[in-house]
Amino acid sequence: MSTNDIMTIRQVAERLQVHVNTVYNYISRGDLKAVKLSRNGRWRIFKEDLDVFIGLRIAEAQGPEEG
């Protein structure tokens, strides 16, 4: 794992094109997995967890498969 695999709230907000408060909301609802490195530290999101979050959002937007 490299430092490129760890993202800040601001970086995630920019990638998703949403406000930073929206990212905090995703985290507080449990929709987006994040870690706090210390008690007073800032949140960090692993790129892999963001990719999972995006994948789930895409799947929800596409709806159930017809078949």
PDB file of N, CA and C in Angstrom:
ATOM      1  N   MET A   1       0.849  -1.179   0.000  1.00  0.00           N
ATOM      2  CA  MET A   1       0.000   0.000   0.000  1.00  0.00           C
ATOM      3  C   MET A   1       0.888   1.233   0.000  1.00  0.00           C
ATOM      4  N   SER A   2       0.528   2.186  -0.809  1.00  0.00           N
ATOM      5  CA  SER A   2       1.293   3.428  -0.868  1.00  0.00           C
ATOM      6  C   SER A   2       0.428   4.576  -0.363  1.00  0.00           C
ATOM      7  N   THR A   3       1.045   5.725  -0.197  1.00  0.00           N
ATOM      8  CA  THR A   3       0.282   6.891   0.249  1.00  0.00           C
ATOM      9  C   THR A   3      -0.737   7.322  -0.797  1.00  0.00           C
ATOM     10  N   ASN A   4      -0.564   6.901  -2.050  1.00  0.00           N
ATOM     11  CA  ASN A   4      -1.546   7.198  -3.088  1.00  0.00           C
ATOM     12  C   ASN A   4      -2.832   6.418  -2.884  1.00  0.00           C
ATOM     13  N   ASP A   5      -2.779   5.381  -2.046  1.00  0.00           N
ATOM     14  CA  ASP A   5      -3.943   4.551  -1.776  1.00  0.00           C
ATOM     15  C   ASP A   5      -4.789   5.098  -0.635  1.00  0.00           C
ATOM     16  N   ILE A   6      -4.329   6.174   0.003  1.00  0.00           N
ATOM     17  CA  ILE A   6      -5.034   6.778   1.129  1.00  0.00           C
ATOM     18  C   ILE A   6      -5.435   8.188   0.740  1.00  0.00           C
ATOM     19  N   MET A   7      -6.729   8.504   0.921  1.00  0.00           N
ATOM     20  CA  MET A   7      -7.246   9.793   0.475  1.00  0.00           C
ATOM     21  C   MET A   7      -7.827  10.600   1.637  1.00  0.00           C
ATOM     22  N   THR A   8      -7.758  11.905   1.514  1.00  0.00           N
ATOM     23  CA  THR A   8      -8.381  12.794   2.487  1.00  0.00           C
ATOM     24  C   THR A   8      -9.846  13.012   2.113  1.00  0.00           C
ATOM     25  N   ILE A   9     -10.581  13.593   3.030  1.00  0.00           N
ATOM     26  CA  ILE A   9     -11.985  13.933   2.770  1.00  0.00           C
ATOM     27  C   ILE A   9     -12.081  14.855   1.559  1.00  0.00           C
ATOM     28  N   ARG A  10     -11.215  15.836   1.494  1.00  0.00           N
ATOM     29  CA  ARG A  10     -11.249  16.789   0.382  1.00  0.00           C
ATOM     30  C   ARG A  10     -10.971  16.096  -0.958  1.00  0.00           C
ATOM     31  N   GLN A  11     -10.001  15.189  -0.968  1.00  0.00           N
ATOM     32  CA  GLN A  11      -9.699  14.461  -2.203  1.00  0.00           C
ATOM     33  C   GLN A  11     -10.891  13.614  -2.655  1.00  0.00           C
ATOM     34  N   VAL A  12     -11.552  12.982  -1.702  1.00  0.00           N
ATOM     35  CA  VAL A  12     -12.733  12.177  -2.027  1.00  0.00           C
ATOM     36  C   VAL A  12     -13.850  13.071  -2.554  1.00  0.00           C
ATOM     37  N   ALA A  13     -14.062  14.201  -1.908  1.00  0.00           N
ATOM     38  CA  ALA A  13     -15.102  15.135  -2.354  1.00  0.00           C
ATOM     39  C   ALA A  13     -14.832  15.601  -3.782  1.00  0.00           C
ATOM     40  N   GLU A  14     -13.592  15.893  -4.078  1.00  0.00           N
ATOM     41  CA  GLU A  14     -13.239  16.323  -5.433  1.00  0.00           C
ATOM     42  C   GLU A  14     -13.477  15.205  -6.440  1.00  0.00           C
ATOM     43  N   ARG A  15     -13.105  13.999  -6.079  1.00  0.00           N
ATOM     44  CA  ARG A  15     -13.297  12.873  -7.008  1.00  0.00           C
ATOM     45  C   ARG A  15     -14.782  12.617  -7.265  1.00  0.00           C
ATOM     46  N   LEU A  16     -15.600  12.729  -6.212  1.00  0.00           N
ATOM     47  CA  LEU A  16     -17.037  12.492  -6.356  1.00  0.00           C
ATOM     48  C   LEU A  16     -17.789  13.726  -6.846  1.00  0.00           C
ATOM     49  N   GLN A  17     -17.107  14.854  -6.864  1.00  0.00           N
ATOM     50  CA  GLN A  17     -17.700  16.138  -7.247  1.00  0.00           C
ATOM     51  C   GLN A  17     -18.879  16.495  -6.341  1.00  0.00           C
ATOM     52  N   VAL A  18     -18.630  16.374  -5.036  1.00  0.00           N
ATOM     53  CA  VAL A  18     -19.604  16.729  -4.021  1.00  0.00           C
ATOM     54  C   VAL A  18     -18.929  17.605  -2.978  1.00  0.00           C
ATOM     55  N   HIS A  19     -19.713  18.196  -2.111  1.00  0.00           N
ATOM     56  CA  HIS A  19     -19.196  19.020  -1.022  1.00  0.00           C
ATOM     57  C   HIS A  19     -18.578  18.109   0.042  1.00  0.00           C
ATOM     58  N   VAL A  20     -17.597  18.620   0.766  1.00  0.00           N
ATOM     59  CA  VAL A  20     -16.949  17.819   1.817  1.00  0.00           C
ATOM     60  C   VAL A  20     -17.962  17.360   2.865  1.00  0.00           C
ATOM     61  N   ASN A  21     -18.972  18.166   3.145  1.00  0.00           N
ATOM     62  CA  ASN A  21     -19.989  17.759   4.122  1.00  0.00           C
ATOM     63  C   ASN A  21     -20.752  16.528   3.657  1.00  0.00           C
ATOM     64  N   THR A  22     -20.924  16.378   2.360  1.00  0.00           N
ATOM     65  CA  THR A  22     -21.587  15.199   1.821  1.00  0.00           C
ATOM     66  C   THR A  22     -20.755  13.958   2.108  1.00  0.00           C
ATOM     67  N   VAL A  23     -19.448  14.073   1.983  1.00  0.00           N
ATOM     68  CA  VAL A  23     -18.562  12.944   2.287  1.00  0.00           C
ATOM     69  C   VAL A  23     -18.669  12.593   3.771  1.00  0.00           C
ATOM     70  N   TYR A  24     -18.671  13.598   4.644  1.00  0.00           N
ATOM     71  CA  TYR A  24     -18.843  13.336   6.075  1.00  0.00           C
ATOM     72  C   TYR A  24     -20.174  12.626   6.330  1.00  0.00           C
ATOM     73  N   ASN A  25     -21.218  13.018   5.614  1.00  0.00           N
ATOM     74  CA  ASN A  25     -22.518  12.361   5.769  1.00  0.00           C
ATOM     75  C   ASN A  25     -22.448  10.899   5.343  1.00  0.00           C
ATOM     76  N   TYR A  26     -21.784  10.615   4.227  1.00  0.00           N
ATOM     77  CA  TYR A  26     -21.625   9.233   3.779  1.00  0.00           C
ATOM     78  C   TYR A  26     -20.927   8.404   4.862  1.00  0.00           C
ATOM     79  N   ILE A  27     -19.907   8.983   5.474  1.00  0.00           N
ATOM     80  CA  ILE A  27     -19.156   8.281   6.520  1.00  0.00           C
ATOM     81  C   ILE A  27     -20.030   8.063   7.748  1.00  0.00           C
ATOM     82  N   SER A  28     -20.724   9.095   8.197  1.00  0.00           N
ATOM     83  CA  SER A  28     -21.527   8.981   9.419  1.00  0.00           C
ATOM     84  C   SER A  28     -22.684   7.997   9.257  1.00  0.00           C
ATOM     85  N   ARG A  29     -23.208   7.862   8.037  1.00  0.00           N
ATOM     86  CA  ARG A  29     -24.289   6.893   7.769  1.00  0.00           C
ATOM     87  C   ARG A  29     -23.755   5.481   7.587  1.00  0.00           C
ATOM     88  N   GLY A  30     -22.441   5.352   7.462  1.00  0.00           N
ATOM     89  CA  GLY A  30     -21.846   4.043   7.247  1.00  0.00           C
ATOM     90  C   GLY A  30     -21.813   3.630   5.789  1.00  0.00           C
ATOM     91  N   ASP A  31     -22.137   4.549   4.886  1.00  0.00           N
ATOM     92  CA  ASP A  31     -22.121   4.250   3.455  1.00  0.00           C
ATOM     93  C   ASP A  31     -20.704   4.172   2.906  1.00  0.00           C
ATOM     94  N   LEU A  32     -19.808   4.957   3.473  1.00  0.00           N
ATOM     95  CA  LEU A  32     -18.421   5.015   3.023  1.00  0.00           C
ATOM     96  C   LEU A  32     -17.520   4.690   4.207  1.00  0.00           C
ATOM     97  N   LYS A  33     -16.707   3.665   4.043  1.00  0.00           N
ATOM     98  CA  LYS A  33     -15.794   3.240   5.101  1.00  0.00           C
ATOM     99  C   LYS A  33     -14.634   4.229   5.191  1.00  0.00           C
ATOM    100  N   ALA A  34     -14.310   4.636   6.412  1.00  0.00           N
ATOM    101  CA  ALA A  34     -13.213   5.571   6.643  1.00  0.00           C
ATOM    102  C   ALA A  34     -12.575   5.253   7.993  1.00  0.00           C
ATOM    103  N   VAL A  35     -11.352   5.692   8.171  1.00  0.00           N
ATOM    104  CA  VAL A  35     -10.651   5.485   9.434  1.00  0.00           C
ATOM    105  C   VAL A  35     -10.141   6.824   9.949  1.00  0.00           C
ATOM    106  N   LYS A  36     -10.115   6.914  11.261  1.00  0.00           N
ATOM    107  CA  LYS A  36      -9.543   8.088  11.915  1.00  0.00           C
ATOM    108  C   LYS A  36      -8.235   7.629  12.538  1.00  0.00           C
ATOM    109  N   LEU A  37      -7.163   8.259  12.151  1.00  0.00           N
ATOM    110  CA  LEU A  37      -5.850   7.772  12.546  1.00  0.00           C
ATOM    111  C   LEU A  37      -5.506   8.032  14.003  1.00  0.00           C
ATOM    112  N   SER A  38      -6.166   8.982  14.629  1.00  0.00           N
ATOM    113  CA  SER A  38      -5.989   9.235  16.051  1.00  0.00           C
ATOM    114  C   SER A  38      -7.253   9.893  16.568  1.00  0.00           C
ATOM    115  N   ARG A  39      -7.360  10.034  17.874  1.00  0.00           N
ATOM    116  CA  ARG A  39      -8.574  10.600  18.467  1.00  0.00           C
ATOM    117  C   ARG A  39      -8.896  11.969  17.888  1.00  0.00           C
ATOM    118  N   ASN A  40      -7.908  12.811  17.756  1.00  0.00           N
ATOM    119  CA  ASN A  40      -8.118  14.153  17.213  1.00  0.00           C
ATOM    120  C   ASN A  40      -7.670  14.268  15.761  1.00  0.00           C
ATOM    121  N   GLY A  41      -7.423  13.125  15.155  1.00  0.00           N
ATOM    122  CA  GLY A  41      -6.929  13.114  13.783  1.00  0.00           C
ATOM    123  C   GLY A  41      -8.023  13.339  12.761  1.00  0.00           C
ATOM    124  N   ARG A  42      -7.615  13.367  11.548  1.00  0.00           N
ATOM    125  CA  ARG A  42      -8.542  13.556  10.443  1.00  0.00           C
ATOM    126  C   ARG A  42      -8.883  12.215   9.824  1.00  0.00           C
ATOM    127  N   TRP A  43     -10.047  12.183   9.192  1.00  0.00           N
ATOM    128  CA  TRP A  43     -10.501  10.981   8.517  1.00  0.00           C
ATOM    129  C   TRP A  43      -9.655  10.697   7.285  1.00  0.00           C
ATOM    130  N   ARG A  44      -9.465   9.405   7.002  1.00  0.00           N
ATOM    131  CA  ARG A  44      -8.788   8.969   5.791  1.00  0.00           C
ATOM    132  C   ARG A  44      -9.616   7.843   5.171  1.00  0.00           C
ATOM    133  N   ILE A  45      -9.624   7.815   3.857  1.00  0.00           N
ATOM    134  CA  ILE A  45     -10.379   6.811   3.120  1.00  0.00           C
ATOM    135  C   ILE A  45      -9.391   6.066   2.229  1.00  0.00           C
ATOM    136  N   PHE A  46      -9.437   4.748   2.294  1.00  0.00           N
ATOM    137  CA  PHE A  46      -8.612   3.949   1.407  1.00  0.00           C
ATOM    138  C   PHE A  46      -9.252   3.956   0.019  1.00  0.00           C
ATOM    139  N   LYS A  47      -8.422   4.086  -1.000  1.00  0.00           N
ATOM    140  CA  LYS A  47      -8.914   4.135  -2.378  1.00  0.00           C
ATOM    141  C   LYS A  47      -9.788   2.924  -2.690  1.00  0.00           C
ATOM    142  N   GLU A  48      -9.396   1.776  -2.187  1.00  0.00           N
ATOM    143  CA  GLU A  48     -10.167   0.549  -2.418  1.00  0.00           C
ATOM    144  C   GLU A  48     -11.593   0.683  -1.863  1.00  0.00           C
ATOM    145  N   ASP A  49     -11.742   1.286  -0.682  1.00  0.00           N
ATOM    146  CA  ASP A  49     -13.064   1.475  -0.095  1.00  0.00           C
ATOM    147  C   ASP A  49     -13.893   2.479  -0.895  1.00  0.00           C
ATOM    148  N   LEU A  50     -13.236   3.498  -1.419  1.00  0.00           N
ATOM    149  CA  LEU A  50     -13.941   4.458  -2.263  1.00  0.00           C
ATOM    150  C   LEU A  50     -14.405   3.785  -3.549  1.00  0.00           C
ATOM    151  N   ASP A  51     -13.568   2.935  -4.119  1.00  0.00           N
ATOM    152  CA  ASP A  51     -13.954   2.221  -5.333  1.00  0.00           C
ATOM    153  C   ASP A  51     -15.173   1.329  -5.090  1.00  0.00           C
ATOM    154  N   VAL A  52     -15.218   0.672  -3.930  1.00  0.00           N
ATOM    155  CA  VAL A  52     -16.378  -0.151  -3.572  1.00  0.00           C
ATOM    156  C   VAL A  52     -17.621   0.728  -3.451  1.00  0.00           C
ATOM    157  N   PHE A  53     -17.492   1.847  -2.769  1.00  0.00           N
ATOM    158  CA  PHE A  53     -18.603   2.787  -2.607  1.00  0.00           C
ATOM    159  C   PHE A  53     -19.137   3.240  -3.967  1.00  0.00           C
ATOM    160  N   ILE A  54     -18.240   3.615  -4.870  1.00  0.00           N
ATOM    161  CA  ILE A  54     -18.650   4.074  -6.198  1.00  0.00           C
ATOM    162  C   ILE A  54     -19.336   2.933  -6.955  1.00  0.00           C
ATOM    163  N   GLY A  55     -18.784   1.750  -6.874  1.00  0.00           N
ATOM    164  CA  GLY A  55     -19.383   0.601  -7.547  1.00  0.00           C
ATOM    165  C   GLY A  55     -20.792   0.320  -7.069  1.00  0.00           C
ATOM    166  N   LEU A  56     -21.017   0.411  -5.763  1.00  0.00           N
ATOM    167  CA  LEU A  56     -22.352   0.194  -5.213  1.00  0.00           C
ATOM    168  C   LEU A  56     -23.320   1.277  -5.676  1.00  0.00           C
ATOM    169  N   ARG A  57     -22.845   2.513  -5.732  1.00  0.00           N
ATOM    170  CA  ARG A  57     -23.693   3.616  -6.205  1.00  0.00           C
ATOM    171  C   ARG A  57     -24.072   3.434  -7.663  1.00  0.00           C
ATOM    172  N   ILE A  58     -23.144   2.980  -8.467  1.00  0.00           N
ATOM    173  CA  ILE A  58     -23.430   2.734  -9.882  1.00  0.00           C
ATOM    174  C   ILE A  58     -24.464   1.618 -10.014  1.00  0.00           C
ATOM    175  N   ALA A  59     -24.281   0.545  -9.234  1.00  0.00           N
ATOM    176  CA  ALA A  59     -25.223  -0.579  -9.276  1.00  0.00           C
ATOM    177  C   ALA A  59     -26.620  -0.138  -8.864  1.00  0.00           C
ATOM    178  N   GLU A  60     -26.716   0.711  -7.820  1.00  0.00           N
ATOM    179  CA  GLU A  60     -28.022   1.222  -7.377  1.00  0.00           C
ATOM    180  C   GLU A  60     -28.669   2.060  -8.464  1.00  0.00           C
ATOM    181  N   ALA A  61     -27.881   2.863  -9.138  1.00  0.00           N
ATOM    182  CA  ALA A  61     -28.413   3.752 -10.182  1.00  0.00           C
ATOM    183  C   ALA A  61     -28.922   2.954 -11.384  1.00  0.00           C
ATOM    184  N   GLN A  62     -28.282   1.814 -11.660  1.00  0.00           N
ATOM    185  CA  GLN A  62     -28.685   0.998 -12.792  1.00  0.00           C
ATOM    186  C   GLN A  62     -29.923   0.180 -12.492  1.00  0.00           C
ATOM    187  N   GLY A  63     -30.188  -0.032 -11.216  1.00  0.00           N
ATOM    188  CA  GLY A  63     -31.359  -0.799 -10.833  1.00  0.00           C
ATOM    189  C   GLY A  63     -31.151  -2.291 -11.019  1.00  0.00           C
ATOM    190  N   PRO A  64     -32.186  -3.055 -10.684  1.00  0.00           N
ATOM    191  CA  PRO A  64     -32.066  -4.512 -10.806  1.00  0.00           C
ATOM    192  C   PRO A  64     -31.966  -4.951 -12.263  1.00  0.00           C
ATOM    193  N   GLU A  65     -31.220  -6.026 -12.451  1.00  0.00           N
ATOM    194  CA  GLU A  65     -31.062  -6.563 -13.812  1.00  0.00           C
ATOM    195  C   GLU A  65     -32.351  -7.221 -14.250  1.00  0.00           C
ATOM    196  N   GLU A  66     -32.701  -7.041 -15.498  1.00  0.00           N
ATOM    197  CA  GLU A  66     -33.873  -7.703 -16.047  1.00  0.00           C
ATOM    198  C   GLU A  66     -33.444  -9.040 -16.603  1.00  0.00           C
ATOM    199  N   GLY A  67     -34.308 -10.033 -16.490  1.00  0.00           N
ATOM    200  CA  GLY A  67     -33.910 -11.294 -17.038  1.00  0.00           C
ATOM    201  C   GLY A  67     -34.904 -12.307 -16.871  1.00  0.00           C
TER     202      GLY A  67
END
